[in-house]
C-alpha atoms as a PDB file:
ATOM      1  CA  MET A   1    -288.178  27.350-138.476  1.00  0.00           C
ATOM      2  CA  LYS A   2    -287.558  29.640-135.565  1.00  0.00           C
ATOM      3  CA  VAL A   3    -289.304  27.199-133.216  1.00  0.00           C
ATOM      4  CA  LEU A   4    -287.093  24.323-134.415  1.00  0.00           C
ATOM      5  CA  ARG A   5    -283.980  26.407-133.953  1.00  0.00           C
ATOM      6  CA  GLU A   6    -284.934  27.275-130.376  1.00  0.00           C
ATOM      7  CA  LEU A   7    -285.808  23.609-129.725  1.00  0.00           C
ATOM      8  CA  PHE A   8    -282.506  22.125-130.853  1.00  0.00           C
ATOM      9  CA  PHE A   9    -280.255  25.194-130.253  1.00  0.00           C
ATOM     10  CA  PRO A  10    -281.780  27.154-127.355  1.00  0.00           C
ATOM     11  CA  TYR A  11    -280.480  30.606-126.544  1.00  0.00           C
ATOM     12  CA  ARG A  12    -278.304  30.492-123.461  1.00  0.00           C
ATOM     13  CA  CYS A  13    -277.251  33.200-121.074  1.00  0.00           C
ATOM     14  CA  CYS A  14    -273.559  34.002-121.618  1.00  0.00           C
ATOM     15  CA  GLY A  15    -273.215  34.498-117.874  1.00  0.00           C
ATOM     16  CA  CYS A  16    -274.561  31.198-116.443  1.00  0.00           C
ATOM     17  CA  LEU A  17    -275.394  29.214-119.688  1.00  0.00           C
ATOM     18  CA  SER A  18    -278.994  28.685-118.564  1.00  0.00           C
ATOM     19  CA  VAL A  19    -281.633  28.478-121.331  1.00  0.00           C
ATOM     20  CA  HIS A  20    -282.656  32.057-121.849  1.00  0.00           C
ATOM     21  CA  GLY A  21    -285.852  33.124-123.614  1.00  0.00           C
ATOM     22  CA  THR A  22    -285.621  34.333-127.215  1.00  0.00           C
ATOM     23  CA  GLY A  23    -282.022  35.556-127.095  1.00  0.00           C
ATOM     24  CA  SER A  24    -283.012  39.209-127.388  1.00  0.00           C
ATOM     25  CA  GLU A  25    -280.736  39.892-124.381  1.00  0.00           C
ATOM     26  CA  PRO A  26    -277.349  38.149-123.902  1.00  0.00           C
ATOM     27  CA  ILE A  27    -277.772  37.519-120.217  1.00  0.00           C
ATOM     28  CA  CYS A  28    -280.611  36.373-118.026  1.00  0.00           C
ATOM     29  CA  ALA A  29    -282.338  38.522-115.360  1.00  0.00           C
ATOM     30  CA  ASN A  30    -280.337  36.810-112.586  1.00  0.00           C
ATOM     31  CA  CYS A  31    -277.002  37.555-114.201  1.00  0.00           C
ATOM     32  CA  LEU A  32    -278.057  41.086-114.989  1.00  0.00           C
ATOM     33  CA  LEU A  33    -278.388  41.675-111.261  1.00  0.00           C
ATOM     34  CA  LYS A  34    -274.843  40.347-110.777  1.00  0.00           C
ATOM     35  CA  LEU A  35    -273.201  42.921-113.037  1.00  0.00           C
ATOM     36  CA  GLU A  36    -271.031  45.216-110.927  1.00  0.00           C
ATOM     37  CA  TYR A  37    -271.215  48.854-112.066  1.00  0.00           C
ATOM     38  CA  THR A  38    -268.648  51.513-111.300  1.00  0.00           C
ATOM     39  CA  TYR A  39    -271.442  54.139-111.065  1.00  0.00           C
ATOM     40  CA  TRP A  40    -269.124  56.731-112.606  1.00  0.00           C
ATOM     41  CA  LYS A  41    -270.696  59.340-114.820  1.00  0.00           C
ATOM     42  CA  MET A  42    -268.786  60.907-117.666  1.00  0.00           C
ATOM     43  CA  ASP A  43    -269.015  64.407-116.189  1.00  0.00           C
ATOM     44  CA  GLN A  44    -267.567  63.318-112.815  1.00  0.00           C
ATOM     45  CA  LYS A  45    -263.909  62.934-111.932  1.00  0.00           C
ATOM     46  CA  ASN A  46    -262.979  59.376-111.060  1.00  0.00           C
ATOM     47  CA  GLU A  47    -259.974  57.093-110.684  1.00  0.00           C
ATOM     48  CA  LEU A  48    -259.885  56.263-114.408  1.00  0.00           C
ATOM     49  CA  TYR A  49    -259.789  59.957-115.330  1.00  0.00           C
ATOM     50  CA  GLU A  50    -257.129  60.686-112.761  1.00  0.00           C
ATOM     51  CA  GLN A  51    -254.910  57.860-114.026  1.00  0.00           C
ATOM     52  CA  LEU A  52    -255.204  58.836-117.694  1.00  0.00           C
ATOM     53  CA  SER A  53    -255.033  62.584-117.321  1.00  0.00           C
ATOM     54  CA  SER A  54    -251.747  62.359-115.409  1.00  0.00           C
ATOM     55  CA  SER A  55    -249.981  61.492-118.663  1.00  0.00           C
ATOM     56  CA  VAL A  56    -252.271  62.626-121.493  1.00  0.00           C
ATOM     57  CA  LYS A  57    -254.576  65.526-122.143  1.00  0.00           C
ATOM     58  CA  LEU A  58    -258.278  64.663-122.049  1.00  0.00           C
ATOM     59  CA  ASN A  59    -261.599  66.141-121.007  1.00  0.00           C
ATOM     60  CA  ALA A  60    -263.243  63.237-119.257  1.00  0.00           C
ATOM     61  CA  ALA A  61    -263.116  59.452-118.812  1.00  0.00           C
ATOM     62  CA  THR A  62    -265.292  56.764-117.380  1.00  0.00           C
ATOM     63  CA  ALA A  63    -265.896  53.021-117.262  1.00  0.00           C
ATOM     64  CA  VAL A  64    -269.277  51.271-117.109  1.00  0.00           C
ATOM     65  CA  LEU A  65    -268.503  48.022-115.343  1.00  0.00           C
ATOM     66  CA  TRP A  66    -265.910  46.347-113.152  1.00  0.00           C
ATOM     67  CA  PHE A  67    -264.152  43.565-114.970  1.00  0.00           C
ATOM     68  CA  GLU A  68    -263.230  40.536-112.829  1.00  0.00           C
ATOM     69  CA  LYS A  69    -262.146  37.015-113.724  1.00  0.00           C
ATOM     70  CA  ASN A  70    -264.967  34.465-113.859  1.00  0.00           C
ATOM     71  CA  LYS A  71    -267.599  37.135-113.095  1.00  0.00           C
ATOM     72  CA  VAL A  72    -270.541  37.964-115.329  1.00  0.00           C
ATOM     73  CA  SER A  73    -268.840  41.028-116.709  1.00  0.00           C
ATOM     74  CA  GLN A  74    -265.857  38.988-118.033  1.00  0.00           C
ATOM     75  CA  LYS A  75    -268.166  36.382-119.608  1.00  0.00           C
ATOM     76  CA  LEU A  76    -270.266  39.085-121.197  1.00  0.00           C
ATOM     77  CA  ILE A  77    -267.215  40.990-122.609  1.00  0.00           C
ATOM     78  CA  HIS A  78    -265.596  37.774-123.844  1.00  0.00           C
ATOM     79  CA  ALA A  79    -268.832  36.610-125.503  1.00  0.00           C
ATOM     80  CA  HIS A  80    -268.819  39.907-127.450  1.00  0.00           C
ATOM     81  CA  LYS A  81    -265.062  39.940-128.137  1.00  0.00           C
ATOM     82  CA  TYR A  82    -264.305  36.346-129.059  1.00  0.00           C
ATOM     83  CA  ARG A  83    -267.582  34.583-129.864  1.00  0.00           C
ATOM     84  CA  ASN A  84    -269.240  37.153-132.245  1.00  0.00           C
ATOM     85  CA  GLN A  85    -272.557  37.316-130.477  1.00  0.00           C
ATOM     86  CA  PRO A  86    -274.281  40.312-132.125  1.00  0.00           C
ATOM     87  CA  GLN A  87    -276.881  40.918-129.384  1.00  0.00           C
ATOM     88  CA  THR A  88    -274.096  41.622-126.878  1.00  0.00           C
ATOM     89  CA  GLY A  89    -272.904  44.679-128.813  1.00  0.00           C
ATOM     90  CA  LYS A  90    -276.343  46.260-128.750  1.00  0.00           C
ATOM     91  CA  PHE A  91    -276.718  45.404-125.028  1.00  0.00           C
ATOM     92  CA  LEU A  92    -273.292  46.860-124.111  1.00  0.00           C
ATOM     93  CA  ALA A  93    -273.980  50.048-126.110  1.00  0.00           C
ATOM     94  CA  ALA A  94    -277.191  50.526-124.123  1.00  0.00           C
ATOM     95  CA  LEU A  95    -275.241  50.316-120.887  1.00  0.00           C
ATOM     96  CA  CYS A  96    -272.676  52.777-122.228  1.00  0.00           C
ATOM     97  CA  TRP A  97    -275.357  55.230-123.189  1.00  0.00           C
ATOM     98  CA  GLU A  98    -276.666  55.346-119.642  1.00  0.00           C
ATOM     99  CA  VAL A  99    -273.380  56.798-118.285  1.00  0.00           C
ATOM    100  CA  LEU A 100    -272.742  59.386-120.973  1.00  0.00           C
ATOM    101  CA  ALA A 101    -273.497  62.917-119.783  1.00  0.00           C
ATOM    102  CA  THR A 102    -274.162  64.224-123.276  1.00  0.00           C
ATOM    103  CA  ASP A 103    -274.931  63.153-126.762  1.00  0.00           C
ATOM    104  CA  ARG A 104    -273.077  66.173-128.204  1.00  0.00           C
ATOM    105  CA  TYR A 105    -270.168  64.354-129.727  1.00  0.00           C
ATOM    106  CA  ASP A 106    -269.000  65.159-133.247  1.00  0.00           C
ATOM    107  CA  PHE A 107    -267.081  61.983-133.771  1.00  0.00           C
ATOM    108  CA  ILE A 108    -266.502  58.486-132.283  1.00  0.00           C
ATOM    109  CA  SER A 109    -263.209  56.571-132.552  1.00  0.00           C
ATOM    110  CA  CYS A 110    -262.246  53.133-131.316  1.00  0.00           C
ATOM    111  CA  ILE A 111    -258.987  51.401-130.487  1.00  0.00           C
ATOM    112  CA  PRO A 112    -258.204  49.786-133.839  1.00  0.00           C
ATOM    113  CA  SER A 113    -257.398  46.127-134.369  1.00  0.00           C
ATOM    114  CA  HIS A 114    -254.442  45.049-136.437  1.00  0.00           C
ATOM    115  CA  LYS A 115    -255.376  43.863-139.908  1.00  0.00           C
ATOM    116  CA  HIS A 116    -254.260  40.294-139.005  1.00  0.00           C
ATOM    117  CA  THR A 117    -256.545  40.317-135.960  1.00  0.00           C
ATOM    118  CA  LEU A 118    -259.418  41.583-138.072  1.00  0.00           C
ATOM    119  CA  ARG A 119    -258.835  38.899-140.626  1.00  0.00           C
ATOM    120  CA  THR A 120    -258.914  36.185-137.896  1.00  0.00           C
ATOM    121  CA  ARG A 121    -261.799  37.545-135.811  1.00  0.00           C
ATOM    122  CA  GLY A 122    -263.735  39.267-138.592  1.00  0.00           C
ATOM    123  CA  TYR A 123    -264.738  42.319-136.559  1.00  0.00           C
ATOM    124  CA  ASN A 124    -263.584  44.950-134.111  1.00  0.00           C
ATOM    125  CA  GLN A 125    -265.574  44.521-130.916  1.00  0.00           C
ATOM    126  CA  ALA A 126    -265.348  48.210-129.866  1.00  0.00           C
ATOM    127  CA  MET A 127    -266.457  49.366-133.337  1.00  0.00           C
ATOM    128  CA  GLU A 128    -269.615  47.261-132.958  1.00  0.00           C
ATOM    129  CA  ILE A 129    -270.442  49.074-129.705  1.00  0.00           C
ATOM    130  CA  ALA A 130    -269.780  52.400-131.417  1.00  0.00           C
ATOM    131  CA  GLU A 131    -272.082  51.543-134.334  1.00  0.00           C
ATOM    132  CA  HIS A 132    -274.894  50.765-131.897  1.00  0.00           C
ATOM    133  CA  LEU A 133    -274.196  53.998-129.971  1.00  0.00           C
ATOM    134  CA  THR A 134    -274.813  56.055-133.105  1.00  0.00           C
ATOM    135  CA  SER A 135    -278.481  55.117-132.823  1.00  0.00           C
ATOM    136  CA  HIS A 136    -278.568  57.253-129.668  1.00  0.00           C
ATOM    137  CA  CYS A 137    -276.491  60.184-130.959  1.00  0.00           C
ATOM    138  CA  ASN A 138    -275.599  61.806-134.278  1.00  0.00           C
ATOM    139  CA  ALA A 139    -271.842  61.415-133.948  1.00  0.00           C
ATOM    140  CA  GLU A 140    -269.874  60.233-137.024  1.00  0.00           C
ATOM    141  CA  ILE A 141    -267.656  57.166-136.625  1.00  0.00           C
ATOM    142  CA  LEU A 142    -264.074  57.656-137.783  1.00  0.00           C
ATOM    143  CA  PRO A 143    -262.890  54.098-138.532  1.00  0.00           C
ATOM    144  CA  ASN A 144    -259.554  55.192-140.069  1.00  0.00           C
ATOM    145  CA  LEU A 145    -258.620  58.039-137.730  1.00  0.00           C
ATOM    146  CA  VAL A 146    -255.819  55.912-136.305  1.00  0.00           C
ATOM    147  CA  LYS A 147    -254.359  52.651-137.654  1.00  0.00           C
ATOM    148  CA  ARG A 148    -252.626  49.963-135.712  1.00  0.00           C
ATOM    149  CA  VAL A 149    -249.327  49.462-137.484  1.00  0.00           C
ATOM    150  CA  LYS A 150    -247.711  47.141-134.924  1.00  0.00           C
ATOM    151  CA  ARG A 151    -249.489  43.910-134.016  1.00  0.00           C
ATOM    152  CA  LYS A 152    -249.896  43.575-130.244  1.00  0.00           C
ATOM    153  CA  LYS A 153    -249.162  40.319-128.526  1.00  0.00           C
ATOM    154  CA  SER A 154    -251.557  39.386-125.720  1.00  0.00           C
ATOM    155  CA  GLN A 155    -250.676  41.770-122.900  1.00  0.00           C
ATOM    156  CA  THR A 156    -252.339  39.942-120.072  1.00  0.00           C
ATOM    157  CA  GLN A 157    -249.170  38.270-118.733  1.00  0.00           C
ATOM    158  CA  TYR A 158    -247.010  41.427-118.822  1.00  0.00           C
ATOM    159  CA  LYS A 159    -246.481  44.020-116.092  1.00  0.00           C
ATOM    160  CA  LYS A 160    -247.276  47.676-116.741  1.00  0.00           C
ATOM    161  CA  ALA A 161    -243.741  48.847-117.778  1.00  0.00           C
ATOM    162  CA  LEU A 162    -243.413  46.037-120.363  1.00  0.00           C
ATOM    163  CA  ARG A 163    -246.894  46.676-121.721  1.00  0.00           C
ATOM    164  CA  GLU A 164    -245.906  50.302-122.303  1.00  0.00           C
ATOM    165  CA  LYS A 165    -242.724  49.264-124.092  1.00  0.00           C
ATOM    166  CA  ASN A 166    -244.607  46.791-126.308  1.00  0.00           C
ATOM    167  CA  LEU A 167    -246.926  49.570-127.515  1.00  0.00           C
ATOM    168  CA  ILE A 168    -244.283  52.066-128.623  1.00  0.00           C
ATOM    169  CA  GLY A 169    -244.978  52.820-132.248  1.00  0.00           C
ATOM    170  CA  ALA A 170    -248.175  50.710-132.305  1.00  0.00           C
ATOM    171  CA  PHE A 171    -250.417  53.382-133.782  1.00  0.00           C
ATOM    172  CA  ALA A 172    -250.212  55.802-136.692  1.00  0.00           C
ATOM    173  CA  LEU A 173    -252.407  58.894-137.083  1.00  0.00           C
ATOM    174  CA  ASP A 174    -254.255  59.817-140.270  1.00  0.00           C
ATOM    175  CA  GLU A 175    -252.976  63.400-140.315  1.00  0.00           C
ATOM    176  CA  THR A 176    -255.441  64.434-143.026  1.00  0.00           C
ATOM    177  CA  SER A 177    -258.248  64.362-140.405  1.00  0.00           C
ATOM    178  CA  GLN A 178    -259.590  67.811-139.726  1.00  0.00           C
ATOM    179  CA  ILE A 179    -261.217  67.566-136.335  1.00  0.00           C
ATOM    180  CA  SER A 180    -259.404  70.313-134.416  1.00  0.00           C
ATOM    181  CA  GLY A 181    -261.668  71.760-131.770  1.00  0.00           C
ATOM    182  CA  LYS A 182    -264.277  69.033-132.241  1.00  0.00           C
ATOM    183  CA  LYS A 183    -265.579  66.728-129.510  1.00  0.00           C
ATOM    184  CA  LEU A 184    -264.298  63.147-129.884  1.00  0.00           C
ATOM    185  CA  LEU A 185    -265.466  60.075-127.958  1.00  0.00           C
ATOM    186  CA  VAL A 186    -262.910  57.278-127.763  1.00  0.00           C
ATOM    187  CA  ILE A 187    -264.263  53.791-126.983  1.00  0.00           C
ATOM    188  CA  ASP A 188    -262.582  50.545-125.841  1.00  0.00           C
ATOM    189  CA  ASP A 189    -263.881  47.379-124.240  1.00  0.00           C
ATOM    190  CA  VAL A 190    -261.485  46.561-121.367  1.00  0.00           C
ATOM    191  CA  TYR A 191    -259.004  48.695-119.461  1.00  0.00           C
ATOM    192  CA  THR A 192    -256.290  46.978-117.334  1.00  0.00           C
ATOM    193  CA  THR A 193    -253.078  48.975-116.920  1.00  0.00           C
ATOM    194  CA  GLY A 194    -254.111  51.591-119.473  1.00  0.00           C
ATOM    195  CA  ALA A 195    -251.002  51.162-121.641  1.00  0.00           C
ATOM    196  CA  THR A 196    -253.022  50.714-124.863  1.00  0.00           C
ATOM    197  CA  MET A 197    -255.297  53.652-124.193  1.00  0.00           C
ATOM    198  CA  ARG A 198    -252.433  56.007-123.226  1.00  0.00           C
ATOM    199  CA  SER A 199    -250.508  55.087-126.408  1.00  0.00           C
ATOM    200  CA  TYR A 200    -253.664  55.703-128.477  1.00  0.00           C
ATOM    201  CA  LEU A 201    -254.389  59.069-126.815  1.00  0.00           C
ATOM    202  CA  GLN A 202    -250.811  60.218-127.304  1.00  0.00           C
ATOM    203  CA  THR A 203    -251.172  59.470-131.009  1.00  0.00           C
ATOM    204  CA  LEU A 204    -254.254  61.751-131.101  1.00  0.00           C
ATOM    205  CA  GLU A 205    -252.505  64.751-129.461  1.00  0.00           C
ATOM    206  CA  PRO A 206    -251.668  66.519-132.768  1.00  0.00           C
ATOM    207  CA  LEU A 207    -255.366  66.771-133.629  1.00  0.00           C
ATOM    208  CA  GLN A 208    -256.053  69.214-130.759  1.00  0.00           C
ATOM    209  CA  CYS A 209    -259.608  68.025-130.260  1.00  0.00           C
ATOM    210  CA  GLU A 210    -261.659  67.602-127.054  1.00  0.00           C
ATOM    211  CA  ILE A 211    -261.543  63.979-125.956  1.00  0.00           C
ATOM    212  CA  ASP A 212    -263.712  61.885-123.743  1.00  0.00           C
ATOM    213  CA  VAL A 213    -262.864  58.178-123.029  1.00  0.00           C
ATOM    214  CA  LEU A 214    -265.508  55.542-122.572  1.00  0.00           C
ATOM    215  CA  ILE A 215    -264.438  52.074-121.334  1.00  0.00           C
ATOM    216  CA  MET A 216    -266.850  49.173-121.216  1.00  0.00           C
ATOM    217  CA  ALA A 217    -265.165  47.483-118.249  1.00  0.00           C
ATOM    218  CA  ARG A 218    -262.315  48.461-115.850  1.00  0.00           C
ATOM    219  CA  ALA A 219    -260.219  45.597-114.482  1.00  0.00           C
ATOM    220  CA  ARG A 220    -259.709  45.622-110.690  1.00  0.00           C
END
């Protein structure tokens, strides 16, 4: 059955669409070499940390890849985000693990999707990465730490100021969470202006926990 499946529906690299082995990895060896890494470690100050820490309190921040239109990184992220390709989540989590300076996180949280988005897409792409990351560390995922109470329109066509305005009141904190003084890793897939992440981190401020931010890909 597997042989027939591969004969009629061969696995293809999500970067170049070439026929690609058994599908155990989402991209071929050639596209793997084309991924552009930031080479930022979590324990090193970088432009992402500087940008976020200027308006919100956090311990560290990093991004794994550079995100550019029509490049392999965009195709990989979009395959995971919009086409529900399970192997991409595991692959992206492995890339994330390589840049973390520690596995000593108590909890992991993700930018939540609105319930309507979840109903349409069927999953939260950042949560899938988080679930795979827990195979490397013992952190507990907090899926309901923050809820998205305001559905976000696509922000890609808006400038920074309007993005910030659109996200006012977008998130609500579960104030019953007792994680004061704990170490929290916040995960998201793509960072452009940072409006969504800043809004999310501001929502977390009453918890008084130590926060690191991990972004899969930073737009440039």
